[in-house]
Amino acid sequence: MITFIPMQTPDVLILFAMILASLISIAGVARCKTMPERIAIATSFGSKIAMFIIAYGVFRSDWMIGSIGAIILISGDAGMVILSFTELQD
């Protein structure tokens, strides 16, 4: 059975502000020309989305969603480090 948990208005406003902040990274990818800059911006975007998921889990008092956000944050950063190392070797 699924129960509906309403969110408070300040929580929704904070989540919308986080979405707008993540859009800045998308605009940054369009403006940069070199691959290391794109990797750095993609890492920033992934970190912002993971923090968005963690904040959503905290606002809903659902720690399973927050733990998924933490896993995304850790694995995403590790993936970007590996990608940057392969880019530096070229």
PDB file of N, CA and C in Angstrom:
ATOM      1  N   MET A   1       0.829  -1.167   0.000  1.00  0.00           N
ATOM      2  CA  MET A   1       0.000   0.000   0.000  1.00  0.00           C
ATOM      3  C   MET A   1       0.884   1.244   0.000  1.00  0.00           C
ATOM      4  N   ILE A   2       0.540   2.202  -0.808  1.00  0.00           N
ATOM      5  CA  ILE A   2       1.306   3.439  -0.930  1.00  0.00           C
ATOM      6  C   ILE A   2       0.599   4.528  -0.147  1.00  0.00           C
ATOM      7  N   THR A   3       1.355   5.208   0.716  1.00  0.00           N
ATOM      8  CA  THR A   3       0.788   6.315   1.472  1.00  0.00           C
ATOM      9  C   THR A   3       1.313   7.632   0.912  1.00  0.00           C
ATOM     10  N   PHE A   4       0.453   8.608   0.857  1.00  0.00           N
ATOM     11  CA  PHE A   4       0.812   9.932   0.347  1.00  0.00           C
ATOM     12  C   PHE A   4       1.380  10.767   1.487  1.00  0.00           C
ATOM     13  N   ILE A   5       2.568  11.321   1.283  1.00  0.00           N
ATOM     14  CA  ILE A   5       3.200  12.188   2.274  1.00  0.00           C
ATOM     15  C   ILE A   5       3.294  13.585   1.664  1.00  0.00           C
ATOM     16  N   PRO A   6       2.485  14.530   2.124  1.00  0.00           N
ATOM     17  CA  PRO A   6       2.551  15.880   1.551  1.00  0.00           C
ATOM     18  C   PRO A   6       3.833  16.594   1.968  1.00  0.00           C
ATOM     19  N   MET A   7       4.356  17.416   1.073  1.00  0.00           N
ATOM     20  CA  MET A   7       5.560  18.191   1.363  1.00  0.00           C
ATOM     21  C   MET A   7       5.160  19.626   1.693  1.00  0.00           C
ATOM     22  N   GLN A   8       5.938  20.252   2.543  1.00  0.00           N
ATOM     23  CA  GLN A   8       5.682  21.630   2.929  1.00  0.00           C
ATOM     24  C   GLN A   8       6.135  22.575   1.810  1.00  0.00           C
ATOM     25  N   THR A   9       5.579  23.762   1.756  1.00  0.00           N
ATOM     26  CA  THR A   9       5.898  24.733   0.711  1.00  0.00           C
ATOM     27  C   THR A   9       7.379  25.133   0.710  1.00  0.00           C
ATOM     28  N   PRO A  10       8.021  25.396   1.854  1.00  0.00           N
ATOM     29  CA  PRO A  10       9.452  25.737   1.799  1.00  0.00           C
ATOM     30  C   PRO A  10      10.312  24.602   1.245  1.00  0.00           C
ATOM     31  N   ASP A  11       9.914  23.369   1.533  1.00  0.00           N
ATOM     32  CA  ASP A  11      10.662  22.228   0.998  1.00  0.00           C
ATOM     33  C   ASP A  11      10.584  22.181  -0.523  1.00  0.00           C
ATOM     34  N   VAL A  12       9.411  22.429  -1.064  1.00  0.00           N
ATOM     35  CA  VAL A  12       9.227  22.423  -2.514  1.00  0.00           C
ATOM     36  C   VAL A  12      10.027  23.559  -3.145  1.00  0.00           C
ATOM     37  N   LEU A  13      10.040  24.731  -2.508  1.00  0.00           N
ATOM     38  CA  LEU A  13      10.803  25.863  -3.044  1.00  0.00           C
ATOM     39  C   LEU A  13      12.303  25.564  -3.046  1.00  0.00           C
ATOM     40  N   ILE A  14      12.785  24.909  -2.010  1.00  0.00           N
ATOM     41  CA  ILE A  14      14.203  24.548  -1.963  1.00  0.00           C
ATOM     42  C   ILE A  14      14.531  23.556  -3.072  1.00  0.00           C
ATOM     43  N   LEU A  15      13.655  22.588  -3.310  1.00  0.00           N
ATOM     44  CA  LEU A  15      13.894  21.616  -4.381  1.00  0.00           C
ATOM     45  C   LEU A  15      13.895  22.279  -5.756  1.00  0.00           C
ATOM     46  N   PHE A  16      12.984  23.232  -5.983  1.00  0.00           N
ATOM     47  CA  PHE A  16      12.974  23.956  -7.260  1.00  0.00           C
ATOM     48  C   PHE A  16      14.243  24.787  -7.431  1.00  0.00           C
ATOM     49  N   ALA A  17      14.728  25.390  -6.354  1.00  0.00           N
ATOM     50  CA  ALA A  17      15.981  26.155  -6.433  1.00  0.00           C
ATOM     51  C   ALA A  17      17.152  25.228  -6.764  1.00  0.00           C
ATOM     52  N   MET A  18      17.132  24.019  -6.239  1.00  0.00           N
ATOM     53  CA  MET A  18      18.199  23.063  -6.555  1.00  0.00           C
ATOM     54  C   MET A  18      18.140  22.638  -8.018  1.00  0.00           C
ATOM     55  N   ILE A  19      16.949  22.500  -8.561  1.00  0.00           N
ATOM     56  CA  ILE A  19      16.811  22.168  -9.983  1.00  0.00           C
ATOM     57  C   ILE A  19      17.355  23.305 -10.835  1.00  0.00           C
ATOM     58  N   LEU A  20      17.031  24.542 -10.493  1.00  0.00           N
ATOM     59  CA  LEU A  20      17.549  25.681 -11.250  1.00  0.00           C
ATOM     60  C   LEU A  20      19.069  25.777 -11.159  1.00  0.00           C
ATOM     61  N   ALA A  21      19.635  25.453 -10.002  1.00  0.00           N
ATOM     62  CA  ALA A  21      21.092  25.480  -9.856  1.00  0.00           C
ATOM     63  C   ALA A  21      21.750  24.407 -10.715  1.00  0.00           C
ATOM     64  N   SER A  22      21.088  23.282 -10.889  1.00  0.00           N
ATOM     65  CA  SER A  22      21.677  22.236 -11.738  1.00  0.00           C
ATOM     66  C   SER A  22      21.613  22.613 -13.214  1.00  0.00           C
ATOM     67  N   LEU A  23      20.696  23.481 -13.601  1.00  0.00           N
ATOM     68  CA  LEU A  23      20.617  23.912 -14.995  1.00  0.00           C
ATOM     69  C   LEU A  23      21.802  24.790 -15.392  1.00  0.00           C
ATOM     70  N   ILE A  24      22.454  25.413 -14.427  1.00  0.00           N
ATOM     71  CA  ILE A  24      23.639  26.225 -14.709  1.00  0.00           C
ATOM     72  C   ILE A  24      24.748  25.344 -15.274  1.00  0.00           C
ATOM     73  N   SER A  25      24.875  24.128 -14.758  1.00  0.00           N
ATOM     74  CA  SER A  25      25.890  23.206 -15.263  1.00  0.00           C
ATOM     75  C   SER A  25      25.614  22.797 -16.705  1.00  0.00           C
ATOM     76  N   ILE A  26      24.367  22.628 -17.045  1.00  0.00           N
ATOM     77  CA  ILE A  26      24.018  22.258 -18.420  1.00  0.00           C
ATOM     78  C   ILE A  26      24.390  23.383 -19.380  1.00  0.00           C
ATOM     79  N   ALA A  27      24.170  24.626 -18.988  1.00  0.00           N
ATOM     80  CA  ALA A  27      24.569  25.757 -19.825  1.00  0.00           C
ATOM     81  C   ALA A  27      26.093  25.840 -19.924  1.00  0.00           C
ATOM     82  N   GLY A  28      26.797  25.443 -18.869  1.00  0.00           N
ATOM     83  CA  GLY A  28      28.256  25.471 -18.889  1.00  0.00           C
ATOM     84  C   GLY A  28      28.848  24.470 -19.858  1.00  0.00           C
ATOM     85  N   VAL A  29      28.212  23.320 -20.025  1.00  0.00           N
ATOM     86  CA  VAL A  29      28.703  22.319 -20.980  1.00  0.00           C
ATOM     87  C   VAL A  29      28.630  22.864 -22.398  1.00  0.00           C
ATOM     88  N   ALA A  30      27.598  23.608 -22.697  1.00  0.00           N
ATOM     89  CA  ALA A  30      27.445  24.158 -24.045  1.00  0.00           C
ATOM     90  C   ALA A  30      28.503  25.215 -24.350  1.00  0.00           C
ATOM     91  N   ARG A  31      29.018  25.877 -23.337  1.00  0.00           N
ATOM     92  CA  ARG A  31      29.972  26.958 -23.569  1.00  0.00           C
ATOM     93  C   ARG A  31      31.426  26.514 -23.583  1.00  0.00           C
ATOM     94  N   CYS A  32      31.769  25.395 -22.957  1.00  0.00           N
ATOM     95  CA  CYS A  32      33.177  25.000 -22.855  1.00  0.00           C
ATOM     96  C   CYS A  32      33.614  24.256 -24.114  1.00  0.00           C
ATOM     97  N   LYS A  33      34.910  24.289 -24.365  1.00  0.00           N
ATOM     98  CA  LYS A  33      35.439  23.716 -25.593  1.00  0.00           C
ATOM     99  C   LYS A  33      36.357  22.519 -25.364  1.00  0.00           C
ATOM    100  N   THR A  34      37.027  22.440 -24.228  1.00  0.00           N
ATOM    101  CA  THR A  34      37.970  21.352 -24.008  1.00  0.00           C
ATOM    102  C   THR A  34      37.325  20.238 -23.191  1.00  0.00           C
ATOM    103  N   MET A  35      37.848  19.030 -23.357  1.00  0.00           N
ATOM    104  CA  MET A  35      37.287  17.871 -22.676  1.00  0.00           C
ATOM    105  C   MET A  35      37.459  17.918 -21.159  1.00  0.00           C
ATOM    106  N   PRO A  36      38.610  18.346 -20.609  1.00  0.00           N
ATOM    107  CA  PRO A  36      38.696  18.411 -19.137  1.00  0.00           C
ATOM    108  C   PRO A  36      37.672  19.363 -18.504  1.00  0.00           C
ATOM    109  N   GLU A  37      37.361  20.457 -19.198  1.00  0.00           N
ATOM    110  CA  GLU A  37      36.330  21.355 -18.685  1.00  0.00           C
ATOM    111  C   GLU A  37      34.972  20.674 -18.675  1.00  0.00           C
ATOM    112  N   ARG A  38      34.680  19.919 -19.727  1.00  0.00           N
ATOM    113  CA  ARG A  38      33.405  19.207 -19.789  1.00  0.00           C
ATOM    114  C   ARG A  38      33.299  18.137 -18.709  1.00  0.00           C
ATOM    115  N   ILE A  39      34.405  17.465 -18.425  1.00  0.00           N
ATOM    116  CA  ILE A  39      34.399  16.455 -17.365  1.00  0.00           C
ATOM    117  C   ILE A  39      34.138  17.115 -16.018  1.00  0.00           C
ATOM    118  N   ALA A  40      34.773  18.256 -15.771  1.00  0.00           N
ATOM    119  CA  ALA A  40      34.572  18.964 -14.504  1.00  0.00           C
ATOM    120  C   ALA A  40      33.125  19.430 -14.351  1.00  0.00           C
ATOM    121  N   ILE A  41      32.546  19.925 -15.431  1.00  0.00           N
ATOM    122  CA  ILE A  41      31.163  20.387 -15.366  1.00  0.00           C
ATOM    123  C   ILE A  41      30.207  19.219 -15.192  1.00  0.00           C
ATOM    124  N   ALA A  42      30.485  18.089 -15.840  1.00  0.00           N
ATOM    125  CA  ALA A  42      29.638  16.909 -15.672  1.00  0.00           C
ATOM    126  C   ALA A  42      29.697  16.390 -14.237  1.00  0.00           C
ATOM    127  N   THR A  43      30.880  16.468 -13.623  1.00  0.00           N
ATOM    128  CA  THR A  43      31.001  16.075 -12.223  1.00  0.00           C
ATOM    129  C   THR A  43      30.173  16.999 -11.340  1.00  0.00           C
ATOM    130  N   SER A  44      30.203  18.283 -11.633  1.00  0.00           N
ATOM    131  CA  SER A  44      29.408  19.241 -10.870  1.00  0.00           C
ATOM    132  C   SER A  44      27.918  18.952 -11.015  1.00  0.00           C
ATOM    133  N   PHE A  45      27.484  18.640 -12.228  1.00  0.00           N
ATOM    134  CA  PHE A  45      26.078  18.337 -12.476  1.00  0.00           C
ATOM    135  C   PHE A  45      25.654  17.070 -11.735  1.00  0.00           C
ATOM    136  N   GLY A  46      26.497  16.035 -11.788  1.00  0.00           N
ATOM    137  CA  GLY A  46      26.169  14.790 -11.093  1.00  0.00           C
ATOM    138  C   GLY A  46      26.096  14.968  -9.588  1.00  0.00           C
ATOM    139  N   SER A  47      26.987  15.783  -9.054  1.00  0.00           N
ATOM    140  CA  SER A  47      26.973  16.041  -7.611  1.00  0.00           C
ATOM    141  C   SER A  47      25.719  16.813  -7.206  1.00  0.00           C
ATOM    142  N   LYS A  48      25.311  17.774  -8.031  1.00  0.00           N
ATOM    143  CA  LYS A  48      24.108  18.547  -7.708  1.00  0.00           C
ATOM    144  C   LYS A  48      22.865  17.674  -7.741  1.00  0.00           C
ATOM    145  N   ILE A  49      22.775  16.780  -8.718  1.00  0.00           N
ATOM    146  CA  ILE A  49      21.609  15.903  -8.800  1.00  0.00           C
ATOM    147  C   ILE A  49      21.588  14.930  -7.633  1.00  0.00           C
ATOM    148  N   ALA A  50      22.754  14.407  -7.249  1.00  0.00           N
ATOM    149  CA  ALA A  50      22.809  13.500  -6.093  1.00  0.00           C
ATOM    150  C   ALA A  50      22.395  14.235  -4.818  1.00  0.00           C
ATOM    151  N   MET A  51      22.830  15.469  -4.655  1.00  0.00           N
ATOM    152  CA  MET A  51      22.428  16.250  -3.482  1.00  0.00           C
ATOM    153  C   MET A  51      20.930  16.547  -3.512  1.00  0.00           C
ATOM    154  N   PHE A  52      20.381  16.736  -4.700  1.00  0.00           N
ATOM    155  CA  PHE A  52      18.938  16.932  -4.853  1.00  0.00           C
ATOM    156  C   PHE A  52      18.181  15.693  -4.363  1.00  0.00           C
ATOM    157  N   ILE A  53      18.661  14.514  -4.729  1.00  0.00           N
ATOM    158  CA  ILE A  53      18.008  13.273  -4.308  1.00  0.00           C
ATOM    159  C   ILE A  53      18.123  13.097  -2.799  1.00  0.00           C
ATOM    160  N   ILE A  54      19.281  13.408  -2.232  1.00  0.00           N
ATOM    161  CA  ILE A  54      19.453  13.306  -0.778  1.00  0.00           C
ATOM    162  C   ILE A  54      18.511  14.284  -0.057  1.00  0.00           C
ATOM    163  N   ALA A  55      18.421  15.514  -0.548  1.00  0.00           N
ATOM    164  CA  ALA A  55      17.534  16.500   0.077  1.00  0.00           C
ATOM    165  C   ALA A  55      16.074  16.061  -0.028  1.00  0.00           C
ATOM    166  N   TYR A  56      15.694  15.502  -1.152  1.00  0.00           N
ATOM    167  CA  TYR A  56      14.328  15.009  -1.325  1.00  0.00           C
ATOM    168  C   TYR A  56      14.024  13.899  -0.317  1.00  0.00           C
ATOM    169  N   GLY A  57      14.988  13.004  -0.117  1.00  0.00           N
ATOM    170  CA  GLY A  57      14.810  11.936   0.863  1.00  0.00           C
ATOM    171  C   GLY A  57      14.686  12.471   2.281  1.00  0.00           C
ATOM    172  N   VAL A  58      15.448  13.506   2.605  1.00  0.00           N
ATOM    173  CA  VAL A  58      15.368  14.095   3.943  1.00  0.00           C
ATOM    174  C   VAL A  58      14.030  14.804   4.138  1.00  0.00           C
ATOM    175  N   PHE A  59      13.575  15.546   3.128  1.00  0.00           N
ATOM    176  CA  PHE A  59      12.310  16.265   3.262  1.00  0.00           C
ATOM    177  C   PHE A  59      11.123  15.315   3.394  1.00  0.00           C
ATOM    178  N   ARG A  60      11.201  14.166   2.757  1.00  0.00           N
ATOM    179  CA  ARG A  60      10.117  13.183   2.856  1.00  0.00           C
ATOM    180  C   ARG A  60      10.288  12.226   4.030  1.00  0.00           C
ATOM    181  N   SER A  61      11.381  12.350   4.759  1.00  0.00           N
ATOM    182  CA  SER A  61      11.708  11.463   5.880  1.00  0.00           C
ATOM    183  C   SER A  61      11.808  10.013   5.426  1.00  0.00           C
ATOM    184  N   ASP A  62      12.362   9.828   4.240  1.00  0.00           N
ATOM    185  CA  ASP A  62      12.559   8.494   3.683  1.00  0.00           C
ATOM    186  C   ASP A  62      14.055   8.296   3.472  1.00  0.00           C
ATOM    187  N   TRP A  63      14.683   7.565   4.375  1.00  0.00           N
ATOM    188  CA  TRP A  63      16.132   7.416   4.340  1.00  0.00           C
ATOM    189  C   TRP A  63      16.592   6.457   3.251  1.00  0.00           C
ATOM    190  N   MET A  64      15.700   5.668   2.704  1.00  0.00           N
ATOM    191  CA  MET A  64      16.089   4.802   1.586  1.00  0.00           C
ATOM    192  C   MET A  64      16.395   5.642   0.341  1.00  0.00           C
ATOM    193  N   ILE A  65      15.599   6.667   0.107  1.00  0.00           N
ATOM    194  CA  ILE A  65      15.866   7.565  -1.024  1.00  0.00           C
ATOM    195  C   ILE A  65      17.169   8.314  -0.789  1.00  0.00           C
ATOM    196  N   GLY A  66      17.399   8.764   0.434  1.00  0.00           N
ATOM    197  CA  GLY A  66      18.642   9.453   0.760  1.00  0.00           C
ATOM    198  C   GLY A  66      19.861   8.568   0.577  1.00  0.00           C
ATOM    199  N   SER A  67      19.730   7.305   0.921  1.00  0.00           N
ATOM    200  CA  SER A  67      20.873   6.394   0.747  1.00  0.00           C
ATOM    201  C   SER A  67      21.155   6.139  -0.727  1.00  0.00           C
ATOM    202  N   ILE A  68      20.135   6.114  -1.559  1.00  0.00           N
ATOM    203  CA  ILE A  68      20.347   5.982  -3.005  1.00  0.00           C
ATOM    204  C   ILE A  68      21.085   7.212  -3.533  1.00  0.00           C
ATOM    205  N   GLY A  69      20.732   8.393  -3.047  1.00  0.00           N
ATOM    206  CA  GLY A  69      21.445   9.609  -3.440  1.00  0.00           C
ATOM    207  C   GLY A  69      22.903   9.567  -3.030  1.00  0.00           C
ATOM    208  N   ALA A  70      23.185   9.023  -1.855  1.00  0.00           N
ATOM    209  CA  ALA A  70      24.578   8.911  -1.405  1.00  0.00           C
ATOM    210  C   ALA A  70      25.360   7.933  -2.275  1.00  0.00           C
ATOM    211  N   ILE A  71      24.725   6.838  -2.668  1.00  0.00           N
ATOM    212  CA  ILE A  71      25.395   5.873  -3.553  1.00  0.00           C
ATOM    213  C   ILE A  71      25.667   6.499  -4.908  1.00  0.00           C
ATOM    214  N   ILE A  72      24.722   7.267  -5.426  1.00  0.00           N
ATOM    215  CA  ILE A  72      24.925   7.948  -6.704  1.00  0.00           C
ATOM    216  C   ILE A  72      26.067   8.956  -6.590  1.00  0.00           C
ATOM    217  N   LEU A  73      26.127   9.671  -5.483  1.00  0.00           N
ATOM    218  CA  LEU A  73      27.189  10.655  -5.276  1.00  0.00           C
ATOM    219  C   LEU A  73      28.556   9.997  -5.250  1.00  0.00           C
ATOM    220  N   ILE A  74      28.689   8.900  -4.538  1.00  0.00           N
ATOM    221  CA  ILE A  74      29.981   8.219  -4.425  1.00  0.00           C
ATOM    222  C   ILE A  74      30.390   7.581  -5.744  1.00  0.00           C
ATOM    223  N   SER A  75      29.480   6.844  -6.364  1.00  0.00           N
ATOM    224  CA  SER A  75      29.849   6.144  -7.603  1.00  0.00           C
ATOM    225  C   SER A  75      30.033   7.109  -8.767  1.00  0.00           C
ATOM    226  N   GLY A  76      29.264   8.187  -8.793  1.00  0.00           N
ATOM    227  CA  GLY A  76      29.412   9.171  -9.863  1.00  0.00           C
ATOM    228  C   GLY A  76      30.744   9.879  -9.808  1.00  0.00           C
ATOM    229  N   ASP A  77      31.174  10.240  -8.615  1.00  0.00           N
ATOM    230  CA  ASP A  77      32.470  10.897  -8.473  1.00  0.00           C
ATOM    231  C   ASP A  77      33.606   9.941  -8.828  1.00  0.00           C
ATOM    232  N   ALA A  78      33.489   8.689  -8.438  1.00  0.00           N
ATOM    233  CA  ALA A  78      34.526   7.713  -8.779  1.00  0.00           C
ATOM    234  C   ALA A  78      34.595   7.502 -10.286  1.00  0.00           C
ATOM    235  N   GLY A  79      33.457   7.467 -10.936  1.00  0.00           N
ATOM    236  CA  GLY A  79      33.443   7.319 -12.386  1.00  0.00           C
ATOM    237  C   GLY A  79      34.072   8.497 -13.102  1.00  0.00           C
ATOM    238  N   MET A  80      33.832   9.680 -12.596  1.00  0.00           N
ATOM    239  CA  MET A  80      34.426  10.868 -13.211  1.00  0.00           C
ATOM    240  C   MET A  80      35.935  10.920 -13.000  1.00  0.00           C
ATOM    241  N   VAL A  81      36.406  10.434 -11.862  1.00  0.00           N
ATOM    242  CA  VAL A  81      37.853  10.384 -11.633  1.00  0.00           C
ATOM    243  C   VAL A  81      38.509   9.427 -12.620  1.00  0.00           C
ATOM    244  N   ILE A  82      37.907   8.268 -12.828  1.00  0.00           N
ATOM    245  CA  ILE A  82      38.447   7.299 -13.796  1.00  0.00           C
ATOM    246  C   ILE A  82      38.414   7.889 -15.202  1.00  0.00           C
ATOM    247  N   LEU A  83      37.337   8.567 -15.549  1.00  0.00           N
ATOM    248  CA  LEU A  83      37.251   9.189 -16.866  1.00  0.00           C
ATOM    249  C   LEU A  83      38.304  10.266 -17.057  1.00  0.00           C
ATOM    250  N   SER A  84      38.541  11.055 -16.022  1.00  0.00           N
ATOM    251  CA  SER A  84      39.557  12.109 -16.147  1.00  0.00           C
ATOM    252  C   SER A  84      40.950  11.519 -16.269  1.00  0.00           C
ATOM    253  N   PHE A  85      41.226  10.408 -15.576  1.00  0.00           N
ATOM    254  CA  PHE A  85      42.537   9.760 -15.717  1.00  0.00           C
ATOM    255  C   PHE A  85      42.731   9.232 -17.132  1.00  0.00           C
ATOM    256  N   THR A  86      41.709   8.660 -17.743  1.00  0.00           N
ATOM    257  CA  THR A  86      41.859   8.171 -19.124  1.00  0.00           C
ATOM    258  C   THR A  86      42.021   9.328 -20.098  1.00  0.00           C
ATOM    259  N   GLU A  87      41.410  10.461 -19.802  1.00  0.00           N
ATOM    260  CA  GLU A  87      41.547  11.627 -20.673  1.00  0.00           C
ATOM    261  C   GLU A  87      42.956  12.220 -20.568  1.00  0.00           C
ATOM    262  N   LEU A  88      43.530  12.206 -19.382  1.00  0.00           N
ATOM    263  CA  LEU A  88      44.876  12.764 -19.203  1.00  0.00           C
ATOM    264  C   LEU A  88      45.944  11.900 -19.859  1.00  0.00           C
ATOM    265  N   GLN A  89      45.694  10.599 -20.024  1.00  0.00           N
ATOM    266  CA  GLN A  89      46.686   9.731 -20.629  1.00  0.00           C
ATOM    267  C   GLN A  89      46.798   9.933 -22.135  1.00  0.00           C
ATOM    268  N   ASP A  90      45.771  10.466 -22.755  1.00  0.00           N
ATOM    269  CA  ASP A  90      45.789  10.673 -24.211  1.00  0.00           C
ATOM    270  C   ASP A  90      46.680  11.799 -24.629  1.00  0.00           C
TER     271      ASP A  90
END
